[in-house]
Amino acid sequence: MQVTEVRLNMLKTENAVKAIGSFSLDGAFAVRGVRVMEDKNGHNFVAFPSREKADGSYEDIAFPLSKELYGAITGAIIDEYKQQVEKQDQNQEQIQTEGESEAAPAPKKGRSR
């Protein structure tokens, strides 16, 4: 199975969830509700869709059964997340550069005395 598409919605929050999205396998099966999260050490990982059980614990609803498929899915999602973070950083730099060029004082018009 191949991961054929990954869609992520970036979140601008200070909590552990950095993005929410979906992925498809072989263009024929989609899973929604995957999350890119950040642990206490600043490392990103993928959390699969889950539900809360009666005892307060959580169990995954959809998840890969083999290590190979797990690696392929999480790798594709983390790669897409990194690409979107880079795009955001580039856009932010471009906005700052444009803002600095606009902040330069304009020459004064009119007669000088």
PDB file of N, CA and C in Angstrom:
ATOM      1  N   MET A   1       0.844  -1.183   0.000  1.00  0.00           N
ATOM      2  CA  MET A   1       0.000   0.000   0.000  1.00  0.00           C
ATOM      3  C   MET A   1       0.882   1.236   0.000  1.00  0.00           C
ATOM      4  N   GLN A   2       0.422   2.225  -0.735  1.00  0.00           N
ATOM      5  CA  GLN A   2       1.143   3.489  -0.834  1.00  0.00           C
ATOM      6  C   GLN A   2       0.267   4.621  -0.302  1.00  0.00           C
ATOM      7  N   VAL A   3       0.884   5.563   0.391  1.00  0.00           N
ATOM      8  CA  VAL A   3       0.186   6.774   0.798  1.00  0.00           C
ATOM      9  C   VAL A   3       0.148   7.671  -0.430  1.00  0.00           C
ATOM     10  N   THR A   4      -1.056   7.919  -0.946  1.00  0.00           N
ATOM     11  CA  THR A   4      -1.178   8.678  -2.191  1.00  0.00           C
ATOM     12  C   THR A   4      -1.530  10.141  -1.975  1.00  0.00           C
ATOM     13  N   GLU A   5      -2.030  10.491  -0.800  1.00  0.00           N
ATOM     14  CA  GLU A   5      -2.374  11.885  -0.541  1.00  0.00           C
ATOM     15  C   GLU A   5      -2.378  12.146   0.957  1.00  0.00           C
ATOM     16  N   VAL A   6      -1.879  13.308   1.323  1.00  0.00           N
ATOM     17  CA  VAL A   6      -1.917  13.763   2.714  1.00  0.00           C
ATOM     18  C   VAL A   6      -2.433  15.193   2.707  1.00  0.00           C
ATOM     19  N   ARG A   7      -3.422  15.463   3.531  1.00  0.00           N
ATOM     20  CA  ARG A   7      -3.961  16.822   3.679  1.00  0.00           C
ATOM     21  C   ARG A   7      -3.876  17.197   5.148  1.00  0.00           C
ATOM     22  N   LEU A   8      -3.310  18.365   5.407  1.00  0.00           N
ATOM     23  CA  LEU A   8      -3.182  18.840   6.784  1.00  0.00           C
ATOM     24  C   LEU A   8      -3.700  20.261   6.914  1.00  0.00           C
ATOM     25  N   ASN A   9      -4.356  20.523   8.012  1.00  0.00           N
ATOM     26  CA  ASN A   9      -4.765  21.867   8.382  1.00  0.00           C
ATOM     27  C   ASN A   9      -3.901  22.274   9.567  1.00  0.00           C
ATOM     28  N   MET A  10      -3.063  23.276   9.356  1.00  0.00           N
ATOM     29  CA  MET A  10      -2.165  23.734  10.399  1.00  0.00           C
ATOM     30  C   MET A  10      -2.962  24.502  11.458  1.00  0.00           C
ATOM     31  N   LEU A  11      -2.592  24.318  12.720  1.00  0.00           N
ATOM     32  CA  LEU A  11      -3.256  25.002  13.818  1.00  0.00           C
ATOM     33  C   LEU A  11      -2.292  26.002  14.438  1.00  0.00           C
ATOM     34  N   LYS A  12      -2.805  27.153  14.794  1.00  0.00           N
ATOM     35  CA  LYS A  12      -1.983  28.180  15.435  1.00  0.00           C
ATOM     36  C   LYS A  12      -2.330  28.230  16.913  1.00  0.00           C
ATOM     37  N   THR A  13      -1.943  27.185  17.634  1.00  0.00           N
ATOM     38  CA  THR A  13      -2.210  27.108  19.058  1.00  0.00           C
ATOM     39  C   THR A  13      -0.919  26.804  19.798  1.00  0.00           C
ATOM     40  N   GLU A  14      -0.959  26.994  21.084  1.00  0.00           N
ATOM     41  CA  GLU A  14       0.204  26.715  21.919  1.00  0.00           C
ATOM     42  C   GLU A  14       0.145  25.322  22.536  1.00  0.00           C
ATOM     43  N   ASN A  15      -0.898  24.546  22.237  1.00  0.00           N
ATOM     44  CA  ASN A  15      -0.970  23.209  22.819  1.00  0.00           C
ATOM     45  C   ASN A  15      -0.208  22.206  21.955  1.00  0.00           C
ATOM     46  N   ALA A  16      -0.281  20.938  22.306  1.00  0.00           N
ATOM     47  CA  ALA A  16       0.530  19.905  21.664  1.00  0.00           C
ATOM     48  C   ALA A  16       0.086  19.585  20.236  1.00  0.00           C
ATOM     49  N   VAL A  17      -1.182  19.794  19.906  1.00  0.00           N
ATOM     50  CA  VAL A  17      -1.673  19.473  18.561  1.00  0.00           C
ATOM     51  C   VAL A  17      -1.252  20.588  17.598  1.00  0.00           C
ATOM     52  N   LYS A  18      -0.459  20.233  16.595  1.00  0.00           N
ATOM     53  CA  LYS A  18       0.068  21.211  15.649  1.00  0.00           C
ATOM     54  C   LYS A  18      -0.687  21.219  14.323  1.00  0.00           C
ATOM     55  N   ALA A  19      -1.296  20.076  13.945  1.00  0.00           N
ATOM     56  CA  ALA A  19      -2.046  19.985  12.689  1.00  0.00           C
ATOM     57  C   ALA A  19      -3.035  18.827  12.786  1.00  0.00           C
ATOM     58  N   ILE A  20      -4.126  18.948  12.049  1.00  0.00           N
ATOM     59  CA  ILE A  20      -5.128  17.883  11.948  1.00  0.00           C
ATOM     60  C   ILE A  20      -5.345  17.631  10.471  1.00  0.00           C
ATOM     61  N   GLY A  21      -5.508  16.354  10.096  1.00  0.00           N
ATOM     62  CA  GLY A  21      -5.687  16.096   8.679  1.00  0.00           C
ATOM     63  C   GLY A  21      -6.150  14.699   8.354  1.00  0.00           C
ATOM     64  N   SER A  22      -5.868  14.312   7.105  1.00  0.00           N
ATOM     65  CA  SER A  22      -6.280  13.009   6.595  1.00  0.00           C
ATOM     66  C   SER A  22      -5.232  12.504   5.620  1.00  0.00           C
ATOM     67  N   PHE A  23      -5.329  11.228   5.303  1.00  0.00           N
ATOM     68  CA  PHE A  23      -4.461  10.632   4.295  1.00  0.00           C
ATOM     69  C   PHE A  23      -5.245   9.576   3.546  1.00  0.00           C
ATOM     70  N   SER A  24      -4.770   9.235   2.347  1.00  0.00           N
ATOM     71  CA  SER A  24      -5.413   8.169   1.590  1.00  0.00           C
ATOM     72  C   SER A  24      -4.378   7.126   1.195  1.00  0.00           C
ATOM     73  N   LEU A  25      -4.840   5.898   1.068  1.00  0.00           N
ATOM     74  CA  LEU A  25      -4.004   4.769   0.676  1.00  0.00           C
ATOM     75  C   LEU A  25      -4.428   4.287  -0.700  1.00  0.00           C
ATOM     76  N   ASP A  26      -3.473   4.230  -1.605  1.00  0.00           N
ATOM     77  CA  ASP A  26      -3.704   3.758  -2.975  1.00  0.00           C
ATOM     78  C   ASP A  26      -4.851   4.485  -3.664  1.00  0.00           C
ATOM     79  N   GLY A  27      -5.164   5.685  -3.216  1.00  0.00           N
ATOM     80  CA  GLY A  27      -6.248   6.455  -3.817  1.00  0.00           C
ATOM     81  C   GLY A  27      -7.603   5.796  -3.645  1.00  0.00           C
ATOM     82  N   ALA A  28      -7.699   4.824  -2.719  1.00  0.00           N
ATOM     83  CA  ALA A  28      -8.937   4.074  -2.596  1.00  0.00           C
ATOM     84  C   ALA A  28      -9.499   4.025  -1.175  1.00  0.00           C
ATOM     85  N   PHE A  29      -8.688   4.398  -0.171  1.00  0.00           N
ATOM     86  CA  PHE A  29      -9.141   4.327   1.217  1.00  0.00           C
ATOM     87  C   PHE A  29      -8.609   5.538   1.955  1.00  0.00           C
ATOM     88  N   ALA A  30      -9.485   6.280   2.627  1.00  0.00           N
ATOM     89  CA  ALA A  30      -9.081   7.497   3.328  1.00  0.00           C
ATOM     90  C   ALA A  30      -9.302   7.360   4.823  1.00  0.00           C
ATOM     91  N   VAL A  31      -8.438   7.992   5.580  1.00  0.00           N
ATOM     92  CA  VAL A  31      -8.564   8.051   7.034  1.00  0.00           C
ATOM     93  C   VAL A  31      -8.515   9.512   7.440  1.00  0.00           C
ATOM     94  N   ARG A  32      -9.522   9.949   8.161  1.00  0.00           N
ATOM     95  CA  ARG A  32      -9.584  11.329   8.651  1.00  0.00           C
ATOM     96  C   ARG A  32      -9.313  11.345  10.145  1.00  0.00           C
ATOM     97  N   GLY A  33      -8.866  12.495  10.622  1.00  0.00           N
ATOM     98  CA  GLY A  33      -8.697  12.676  12.063  1.00  0.00           C
ATOM     99  C   GLY A  33      -7.308  12.377  12.584  1.00  0.00           C
ATOM    100  N   VAL A  34      -6.315  12.265  11.698  1.00  0.00           N
ATOM    101  CA  VAL A  34      -4.949  12.094  12.194  1.00  0.00           C
ATOM    102  C   VAL A  34      -4.453  13.450  12.690  1.00  0.00           C
ATOM    103  N   ARG A  35      -3.593  13.428  13.696  1.00  0.00           N
ATOM    104  CA  ARG A  35      -3.075  14.656  14.277  1.00  0.00           C
ATOM    105  C   ARG A  35      -1.554  14.608  14.311  1.00  0.00           C
ATOM    106  N   VAL A  36      -0.934  15.736  13.995  1.00  0.00           N
ATOM    107  CA  VAL A  36       0.500  15.883  14.209  1.00  0.00           C
ATOM    108  C   VAL A  36       0.627  16.566  15.558  1.00  0.00           C
ATOM    109  N   MET A  37       1.360  15.922  16.458  1.00  0.00           N
ATOM    110  CA  MET A  37       1.487  16.430  17.818  1.00  0.00           C
ATOM    111  C   MET A  37       2.953  16.613  18.169  1.00  0.00           C
ATOM    112  N   GLU A  38       3.191  17.412  19.203  1.00  0.00           N
ATOM    113  CA  GLU A  38       4.551  17.666  19.655  1.00  0.00           C
ATOM    114  C   GLU A  38       4.676  17.170  21.092  1.00  0.00           C
ATOM    115  N   ASP A  39       5.720  16.361  21.359  1.00  0.00           N
ATOM    116  CA  ASP A  39       5.917  15.869  22.715  1.00  0.00           C
ATOM    117  C   ASP A  39       6.660  16.893  23.562  1.00  0.00           C
ATOM    118  N   LYS A  40       6.928  16.544  24.809  1.00  0.00           N
ATOM    119  CA  LYS A  40       7.571  17.467  25.747  1.00  0.00           C
ATOM    120  C   LYS A  40       8.969  17.879  25.302  1.00  0.00           C
ATOM    121  N   ASN A  41       9.626  17.039  24.506  1.00  0.00           N
ATOM    122  CA  ASN A  41      10.983  17.325  24.040  1.00  0.00           C
ATOM    123  C   ASN A  41      11.015  18.067  22.707  1.00  0.00           C
ATOM    124  N   GLY A  42       9.842  18.412  22.168  1.00  0.00           N
ATOM    125  CA  GLY A  42       9.783  19.155  20.921  1.00  0.00           C
ATOM    126  C   GLY A  42       9.797  18.286  19.670  1.00  0.00           C
ATOM    127  N   HIS A  43       9.659  16.970  19.828  1.00  0.00           N
ATOM    128  CA  HIS A  43       9.633  16.062  18.681  1.00  0.00           C
ATOM    129  C   HIS A  43       8.197  15.879  18.208  1.00  0.00           C
ATOM    130  N   ASN A  44       8.026  15.818  16.896  1.00  0.00           N
ATOM    131  CA  ASN A  44       6.696  15.630  16.316  1.00  0.00           C
ATOM    132  C   ASN A  44       6.410  14.149  16.131  1.00  0.00           C
ATOM    133  N   PHE A  45       5.141  13.791  16.304  1.00  0.00           N
ATOM    134  CA  PHE A  45       4.697  12.427  16.053  1.00  0.00           C
ATOM    135  C   PHE A  45       3.263  12.464  15.543  1.00  0.00           C
ATOM    136  N   VAL A  46       2.820  11.346  14.975  1.00  0.00           N
ATOM    137  CA  VAL A  46       1.479  11.248  14.418  1.00  0.00           C
ATOM    138  C   VAL A  46       0.590  10.471  15.374  1.00  0.00           C
ATOM    139  N   ALA A  47      -0.583  11.029  15.688  1.00  0.00           N
ATOM    140  CA  ALA A  47      -1.578  10.342  16.501  1.00  0.00           C
ATOM    141  C   ALA A  47      -2.736   9.963  15.580  1.00  0.00           C
ATOM    142  N   PHE A  48      -3.090   8.699  15.588  1.00  0.00           N
ATOM    143  CA  PHE A  48      -4.175   8.212  14.745  1.00  0.00           C
ATOM    144  C   PHE A  48      -5.521   8.492  15.403  1.00  0.00           C
ATOM    145  N   PRO A  49      -6.617   8.462  14.624  1.00  0.00           N
ATOM    146  CA  PRO A  49      -7.939   8.743  15.185  1.00  0.00           C
ATOM    147  C   PRO A  49      -8.231   7.803  16.356  1.00  0.00           C
ATOM    148  N   SER A  50      -8.804   8.371  17.424  1.00  0.00           N
ATOM    149  CA  SER A  50      -9.089   7.565  18.612  1.00  0.00           C
ATOM    150  C   SER A  50     -10.397   8.022  19.227  1.00  0.00           C
ATOM    151  N   ARG A  51     -10.855   7.220  20.172  1.00  0.00           N
ATOM    152  CA  ARG A  51     -12.068   7.569  20.919  1.00  0.00           C
ATOM    153  C   ARG A  51     -11.821   7.281  22.390  1.00  0.00           C
ATOM    154  N   GLU A  52     -12.560   7.986  23.223  1.00  0.00           N
ATOM    155  CA  GLU A  52     -12.413   7.800  24.661  1.00  0.00           C
ATOM    156  C   GLU A  52     -13.299   6.654  25.121  1.00  0.00           C
ATOM    157  N   LYS A  53     -12.738   5.769  25.907  1.00  0.00           N
ATOM    158  CA  LYS A  53     -13.500   4.645  26.460  1.00  0.00           C
ATOM    159  C   LYS A  53     -14.153   5.084  27.774  1.00  0.00           C
ATOM    160  N   ALA A  54     -15.028   4.243  28.287  1.00  0.00           N
ATOM    161  CA  ALA A  54     -15.767   4.569  29.506  1.00  0.00           C
ATOM    162  C   ALA A  54     -14.845   4.804  30.698  1.00  0.00           C
ATOM    163  N   ASP A  55     -13.707   4.130  30.725  1.00  0.00           N
ATOM    164  CA  ASP A  55     -12.788   4.286  31.864  1.00  0.00           C
ATOM    165  C   ASP A  55     -11.864   5.499  31.730  1.00  0.00           C
ATOM    166  N   GLY A  56     -12.037   6.296  30.669  1.00  0.00           N
ATOM    167  CA  GLY A  56     -11.240   7.504  30.489  1.00  0.00           C
ATOM    168  C   GLY A  56      -9.999   7.309  29.644  1.00  0.00           C
ATOM    169  N   SER A  57      -9.670   6.086  29.304  1.00  0.00           N
ATOM    170  CA  SER A  57      -8.518   5.844  28.431  1.00  0.00           C
ATOM    171  C   SER A  57      -8.961   5.980  26.974  1.00  0.00           C
ATOM    172  N   TYR A  58      -7.984   6.010  26.083  1.00  0.00           N
ATOM    173  CA  TYR A  58      -8.280   6.164  24.660  1.00  0.00           C
ATOM    174  C   TYR A  58      -7.829   4.928  23.901  1.00  0.00           C
ATOM    175  N   GLU A  59      -8.557   4.628  22.819  1.00  0.00           N
ATOM    176  CA  GLU A  59      -8.145   3.550  21.931  1.00  0.00           C
ATOM    177  C   GLU A  59      -8.229   4.045  20.490  1.00  0.00           C
ATOM    178  N   ASP A  60      -7.249   3.626  19.684  1.00  0.00           N
ATOM    179  CA  ASP A  60      -7.232   4.023  18.281  1.00  0.00           C
ATOM    180  C   ASP A  60      -8.387   3.372  17.538  1.00  0.00           C
ATOM    181  N   ILE A  61      -8.973   4.130  16.641  1.00  0.00           N
ATOM    182  CA  ILE A  61     -10.068   3.627  15.811  1.00  0.00           C
ATOM    183  C   ILE A  61      -9.509   3.012  14.538  1.00  0.00           C
ATOM    184  N   ALA A  62      -8.583   3.703  13.911  1.00  0.00           N
ATOM    185  CA  ALA A  62      -7.957   3.236  12.675  1.00  0.00           C
ATOM    186  C   ALA A  62      -6.448   3.317  12.867  1.00  0.00           C
ATOM    187  N   PHE A  63      -5.753   2.251  12.471  1.00  0.00           N
ATOM    188  CA  PHE A  63      -4.301   2.223  12.655  1.00  0.00           C
ATOM    189  C   PHE A  63      -3.702   1.153  11.752  1.00  0.00           C
ATOM    190  N   PRO A  64      -2.445   1.322  11.348  1.00  0.00           N
ATOM    191  CA  PRO A  64      -1.779   0.313  10.516  1.00  0.00           C
ATOM    192  C   PRO A  64      -1.403  -0.907  11.351  1.00  0.00           C
ATOM    193  N   LEU A  65      -1.427  -2.069  10.704  1.00  0.00           N
ATOM    194  CA  LEU A  65      -1.110  -3.304  11.411  1.00  0.00           C
ATOM    195  C   LEU A  65       0.344  -3.731  11.264  1.00  0.00           C
ATOM    196  N   SER A  66       1.047  -3.194  10.293  1.00  0.00           N
ATOM    197  CA  SER A  66       2.449  -3.575  10.120  1.00  0.00           C
ATOM    198  C   SER A  66       3.363  -2.373  10.371  1.00  0.00           C
ATOM    199  N   LYS A  67       4.578  -2.663  10.797  1.00  0.00           N
ATOM    200  CA  LYS A  67       5.561  -1.600  11.037  1.00  0.00           C
ATOM    201  C   LYS A  67       5.885  -0.860   9.753  1.00  0.00           C
ATOM    202  N   GLU A  68       5.922  -1.572   8.635  1.00  0.00           N
ATOM    203  CA  GLU A  68       6.247  -0.947   7.352  1.00  0.00           C
ATOM    204  C   GLU A  68       5.191   0.079   6.959  1.00  0.00           C
ATOM    205  N   LEU A  69       3.923  -0.300   7.072  1.00  0.00           N
ATOM    206  CA  LEU A  69       2.852   0.626   6.723  1.00  0.00           C
ATOM    207  C   LEU A  69       2.803   1.786   7.718  1.00  0.00           C
ATOM    208  N   TYR A  70       3.018   1.506   8.997  1.00  0.00           N
ATOM    209  CA  TYR A  70       3.065   2.563  10.011  1.00  0.00           C
ATOM    210  C   TYR A  70       4.150   3.576   9.650  1.00  0.00           C
ATOM    211  N   GLY A  71       5.324   3.087   9.294  1.00  0.00           N
ATOM    212  CA  GLY A  71       6.428   3.973   8.921  1.00  0.00           C
ATOM    213  C   GLY A  71       6.127   4.787   7.678  1.00  0.00           C
ATOM    214  N   ALA A  72       5.491   4.153   6.690  1.00  0.00           N
ATOM    215  CA  ALA A  72       5.153   4.863   5.447  1.00  0.00           C
ATOM    216  C   ALA A  72       4.132   5.972   5.712  1.00  0.00           C
ATOM    217  N   ILE A  73       3.124   5.671   6.511  1.00  0.00           N
ATOM    218  CA  ILE A  73       2.072   6.660   6.792  1.00  0.00           C
ATOM    219  C   ILE A  73       2.621   7.814   7.626  1.00  0.00           C
ATOM    220  N   THR A  74       3.273   7.490   8.731  1.00  0.00           N
ATOM    221  CA  THR A  74       3.780   8.555   9.596  1.00  0.00           C
ATOM    222  C   THR A  74       4.856   9.371   8.883  1.00  0.00           C
ATOM    223  N   GLY A  75       5.693   8.726   8.078  1.00  0.00           N
ATOM    224  CA  GLY A  75       6.716   9.448   7.323  1.00  0.00           C
ATOM    225  C   GLY A  75       6.107  10.438   6.351  1.00  0.00           C
ATOM    226  N   ALA A  76       5.074  10.013   5.623  1.00  0.00           N
ATOM    227  CA  ALA A  76       4.422  10.894   4.655  1.00  0.00           C
ATOM    228  C   ALA A  76       3.741  12.072   5.354  1.00  0.00           C
ATOM    229  N   ILE A  77       3.112  11.817   6.484  1.00  0.00           N
ATOM    230  CA  ILE A  77       2.417  12.885   7.209  1.00  0.00           C
ATOM    231  C   ILE A  77       3.420  13.883   7.788  1.00  0.00           C
ATOM    232  N   ILE A  78       4.488  13.399   8.403  1.00  0.00           N
ATOM    233  CA  ILE A  78       5.503  14.291   8.978  1.00  0.00           C
ATOM    234  C   ILE A  78       6.199  15.091   7.869  1.00  0.00           C
ATOM    235  N   ASP A  79       6.467  14.455   6.722  1.00  0.00           N
ATOM    236  CA  ASP A  79       7.074  15.184   5.597  1.00  0.00           C
ATOM    237  C   ASP A  79       6.176  16.325   5.129  1.00  0.00           C
ATOM    238  N   GLU A  80       4.884  16.052   4.995  1.00  0.00           N
ATOM    239  CA  GLU A  80       3.933  17.091   4.583  1.00  0.00           C
ATOM    240  C   GLU A  80       3.879  18.199   5.628  1.00  0.00           C
ATOM    241  N   TYR A  81       3.900  17.836   6.899  1.00  0.00           N
ATOM    242  CA  TYR A  81       3.884  18.830   7.972  1.00  0.00           C
ATOM    243  C   TYR A  81       5.117  19.735   7.878  1.00  0.00           C
ATOM    244  N   LYS A  82       6.287  19.142   7.670  1.00  0.00           N
ATOM    245  CA  LYS A  82       7.521  19.921   7.567  1.00  0.00           C
ATOM    246  C   LYS A  82       7.481  20.860   6.362  1.00  0.00           C
ATOM    247  N   GLN A  83       6.933  20.387   5.238  1.00  0.00           N
ATOM    248  CA  GLN A  83       6.818  21.243   4.056  1.00  0.00           C
ATOM    249  C   GLN A  83       5.917  22.443   4.338  1.00  0.00           C
ATOM    250  N   GLN A  84       4.814  22.207   5.034  1.00  0.00           N
ATOM    251  CA  GLN A  84       3.896  23.311   5.329  1.00  0.00           C
ATOM    252  C   GLN A  84       4.507  24.288   6.332  1.00  0.00           C
ATOM    253  N   VAL A  85       5.281  23.786   7.287  1.00  0.00           N
ATOM    254  CA  VAL A  85       5.965  24.672   8.230  1.00  0.00           C
ATOM    255  C   VAL A  85       6.976  25.539   7.482  1.00  0.00           C
ATOM    256  N   GLU A  86       7.717  24.943   6.533  1.00  0.00           N
ATOM    257  CA  GLU A  86       8.678  25.710   5.727  1.00  0.00           C
ATOM    258  C   GLU A  86       7.966  26.800   4.921  1.00  0.00           C
ATOM    259  N   LYS A  87       6.825  26.456   4.317  1.00  0.00           N
ATOM    260  CA  LYS A  87       6.058  27.447   3.552  1.00  0.00           C
ATOM    261  C   LYS A  87       5.632  28.602   4.447  1.00  0.00           C
ATOM    262  N   GLN A  88       5.152  28.277   5.646  1.00  0.00           N
ATOM    263  CA  GLN A  88       4.738  29.322   6.580  1.00  0.00           C
ATOM    264  C   GLN A  88       5.918  30.214   6.946  1.00  0.00           C
ATOM    265  N   ASP A  89       7.067  29.608   7.197  1.00  0.00           N
ATOM    266  CA  ASP A  89       8.260  30.380   7.552  1.00  0.00           C
ATOM    267  C   ASP A  89       8.670  31.298   6.401  1.00  0.00           C
ATOM    268  N   GLN A  90       8.643  30.775   5.164  1.00  0.00           N
ATOM    269  CA  GLN A  90       8.999  31.589   4.001  1.00  0.00           C
ATOM    270  C   GLN A  90       8.018  32.738   3.817  1.00  0.00           C
ATOM    271  N   ASN A  91       6.734  32.453   3.991  1.00  0.00           N
ATOM    272  CA  ASN A  91       5.726  33.507   3.856  1.00  0.00           C
ATOM    273  C   ASN A  91       5.917  34.568   4.934  1.00  0.00           C
ATOM    274  N   GLN A  92       6.241  34.144   6.145  1.00  0.00           N
ATOM    275  CA  GLN A  92       6.461  35.081   7.236  1.00  0.00           C
ATOM    276  C   GLN A  92       7.674  35.967   6.951  1.00  0.00           C
ATOM    277  N   GLU A  93       8.758  35.368   6.436  1.00  0.00           N
ATOM    278  CA  GLU A  93       9.952  36.136   6.082  1.00  0.00           C
ATOM    279  C   GLU A  93       9.649  37.132   4.973  1.00  0.00           C
ATOM    280  N   GLN A  94       8.858  36.701   3.988  1.00  0.00           N
ATOM    281  CA  GLN A  94       8.503  37.583   2.874  1.00  0.00           C
ATOM    282  C   GLN A  94       7.680  38.764   3.378  1.00  0.00           C
ATOM    283  N   ILE A  95       6.760  38.505   4.275  1.00  0.00           N
ATOM    284  CA  ILE A  95       5.930  39.574   4.833  1.00  0.00           C
ATOM    285  C   ILE A  95       6.794  40.553   5.617  1.00  0.00           C
ATOM    286  N   GLN A  96       7.745  40.029   6.392  1.00  0.00           N
ATOM    287  CA  GLN A  96       8.627  40.904   7.159  1.00  0.00           C
ATOM    288  C   GLN A  96       9.507  41.746   6.241  1.00  0.00           C
ATOM    289  N   THR A  97      10.026  41.133   5.169  1.00  0.00           N
ATOM    290  CA  THR A  97      10.870  41.859   4.222  1.00  0.00           C
ATOM    291  C   THR A  97      10.077  42.965   3.538  1.00  0.00           C
ATOM    292  N   GLU A  98       8.864  42.651   3.130  1.00  0.00           N
ATOM    293  CA  GLU A  98       8.016  43.663   2.494  1.00  0.00           C
ATOM    294  C   GLU A  98       7.684  44.776   3.465  1.00  0.00           C
ATOM    295  N   GLY A  99       7.429  44.424   4.709  1.00  0.00           N
ATOM    296  CA  GLY A  99       7.108  45.424   5.724  1.00  0.00           C
ATOM    297  C   GLY A  99       8.279  46.350   5.980  1.00  0.00           C
ATOM    298  N   GLU A 100       9.502  45.821   5.959  1.00  0.00           N
ATOM    299  CA  GLU A 100      10.681  46.647   6.184  1.00  0.00           C
ATOM    300  C   GLU A 100      10.899  47.617   5.030  1.00  0.00           C
ATOM    301  N   SER A 101      10.664  47.160   3.798  1.00  0.00           N
ATOM    302  CA  SER A 101      10.862  48.052   2.649  1.00  0.00           C
ATOM    303  C   SER A 101       9.801  49.144   2.617  1.00  0.00           C
ATOM    304  N   GLU A 102       8.597  48.833   3.090  1.00  0.00           N
ATOM    305  CA  GLU A 102       7.541  49.834   3.129  1.00  0.00           C
ATOM    306  C   GLU A 102       7.756  50.814   4.277  1.00  0.00           C
ATOM    307  N   ALA A 103       8.503  50.417   5.297  1.00  0.00           N
ATOM    308  CA  ALA A 103       8.709  51.267   6.461  1.00  0.00           C
ATOM    309  C   ALA A 103       9.739  52.362   6.213  1.00  0.00           C
ATOM    310  N   ALA A 104      10.470  52.297   5.121  1.00  0.00           N
ATOM    311  CA  ALA A 104      11.474  53.335   4.820  1.00  0.00           C
ATOM    312  C   ALA A 104      10.763  54.659   4.590  1.00  0.00           C
ATOM    313  N   PRO A 105      11.311  55.729   5.127  1.00  0.00           N
ATOM    314  CA  PRO A 105      10.629  57.019   4.965  1.00  0.00           C
ATOM    315  C   PRO A 105      10.606  57.449   3.502  1.00  0.00           C
ATOM    316  N   ALA A 106       9.467  57.966   3.102  1.00  0.00           N
ATOM    317  CA  ALA A 106       9.314  58.434   1.725  1.00  0.00           C
ATOM    318  C   ALA A 106       9.936  59.832   1.601  1.00  0.00           C
ATOM    319  N   PRO A 107      10.479  60.139   0.428  1.00  0.00           N
ATOM    320  CA  PRO A 107      11.039  61.485   0.256  1.00  0.00           C
ATOM    321  C   PRO A 107       9.939  62.531   0.360  1.00  0.00           C
ATOM    322  N   LYS A 108      10.312  63.692   0.904  1.00  0.00           N
ATOM    323  CA  LYS A 108       9.332  64.764   1.067  1.00  0.00           C
ATOM    324  C   LYS A 108       9.072  65.423  -0.271  1.00  0.00           C
ATOM    325  N   LYS A 109       7.821  65.786  -0.491  1.00  0.00           N
ATOM    326  CA  LYS A 109       7.444  66.465  -1.718  1.00  0.00           C
ATOM    327  C   LYS A 109       7.203  67.939  -1.427  1.00  0.00           C
ATOM    328  N   GLY A 110       7.305  68.726  -2.421  1.00  0.00           N
ATOM    329  CA  GLY A 110       7.029  70.149  -2.260  1.00  0.00           C
ATOM    330  C   GLY A 110       8.289  70.975  -2.413  1.00  0.00           C
ATOM    331  N   ARG A 111       8.129  72.255  -2.227  1.00  0.00           N
ATOM    332  CA  ARG A 111       9.268  73.176  -2.388  1.00  0.00           C
ATOM    333  C   ARG A 111      10.133  73.149  -1.146  1.00  0.00           C
ATOM    334  N   SER A 112      11.382  73.297  -1.373  1.00  0.00           N
ATOM    335  CA  SER A 112      12.284  73.432  -0.248  1.00  0.00           C
ATOM    336  C   SER A 112      12.566  74.907  -0.054  1.00  0.00           C
ATOM    337  N   ARG A 113      12.802  75.366   1.090  1.00  0.00           N
ATOM    338  CA  ARG A 113      13.025  76.792   1.345  1.00  0.00           C
ATOM    339  C   ARG A 113      14.440  77.090   1.615  1.00  0.00           C
TER     340      ARG A 113
END
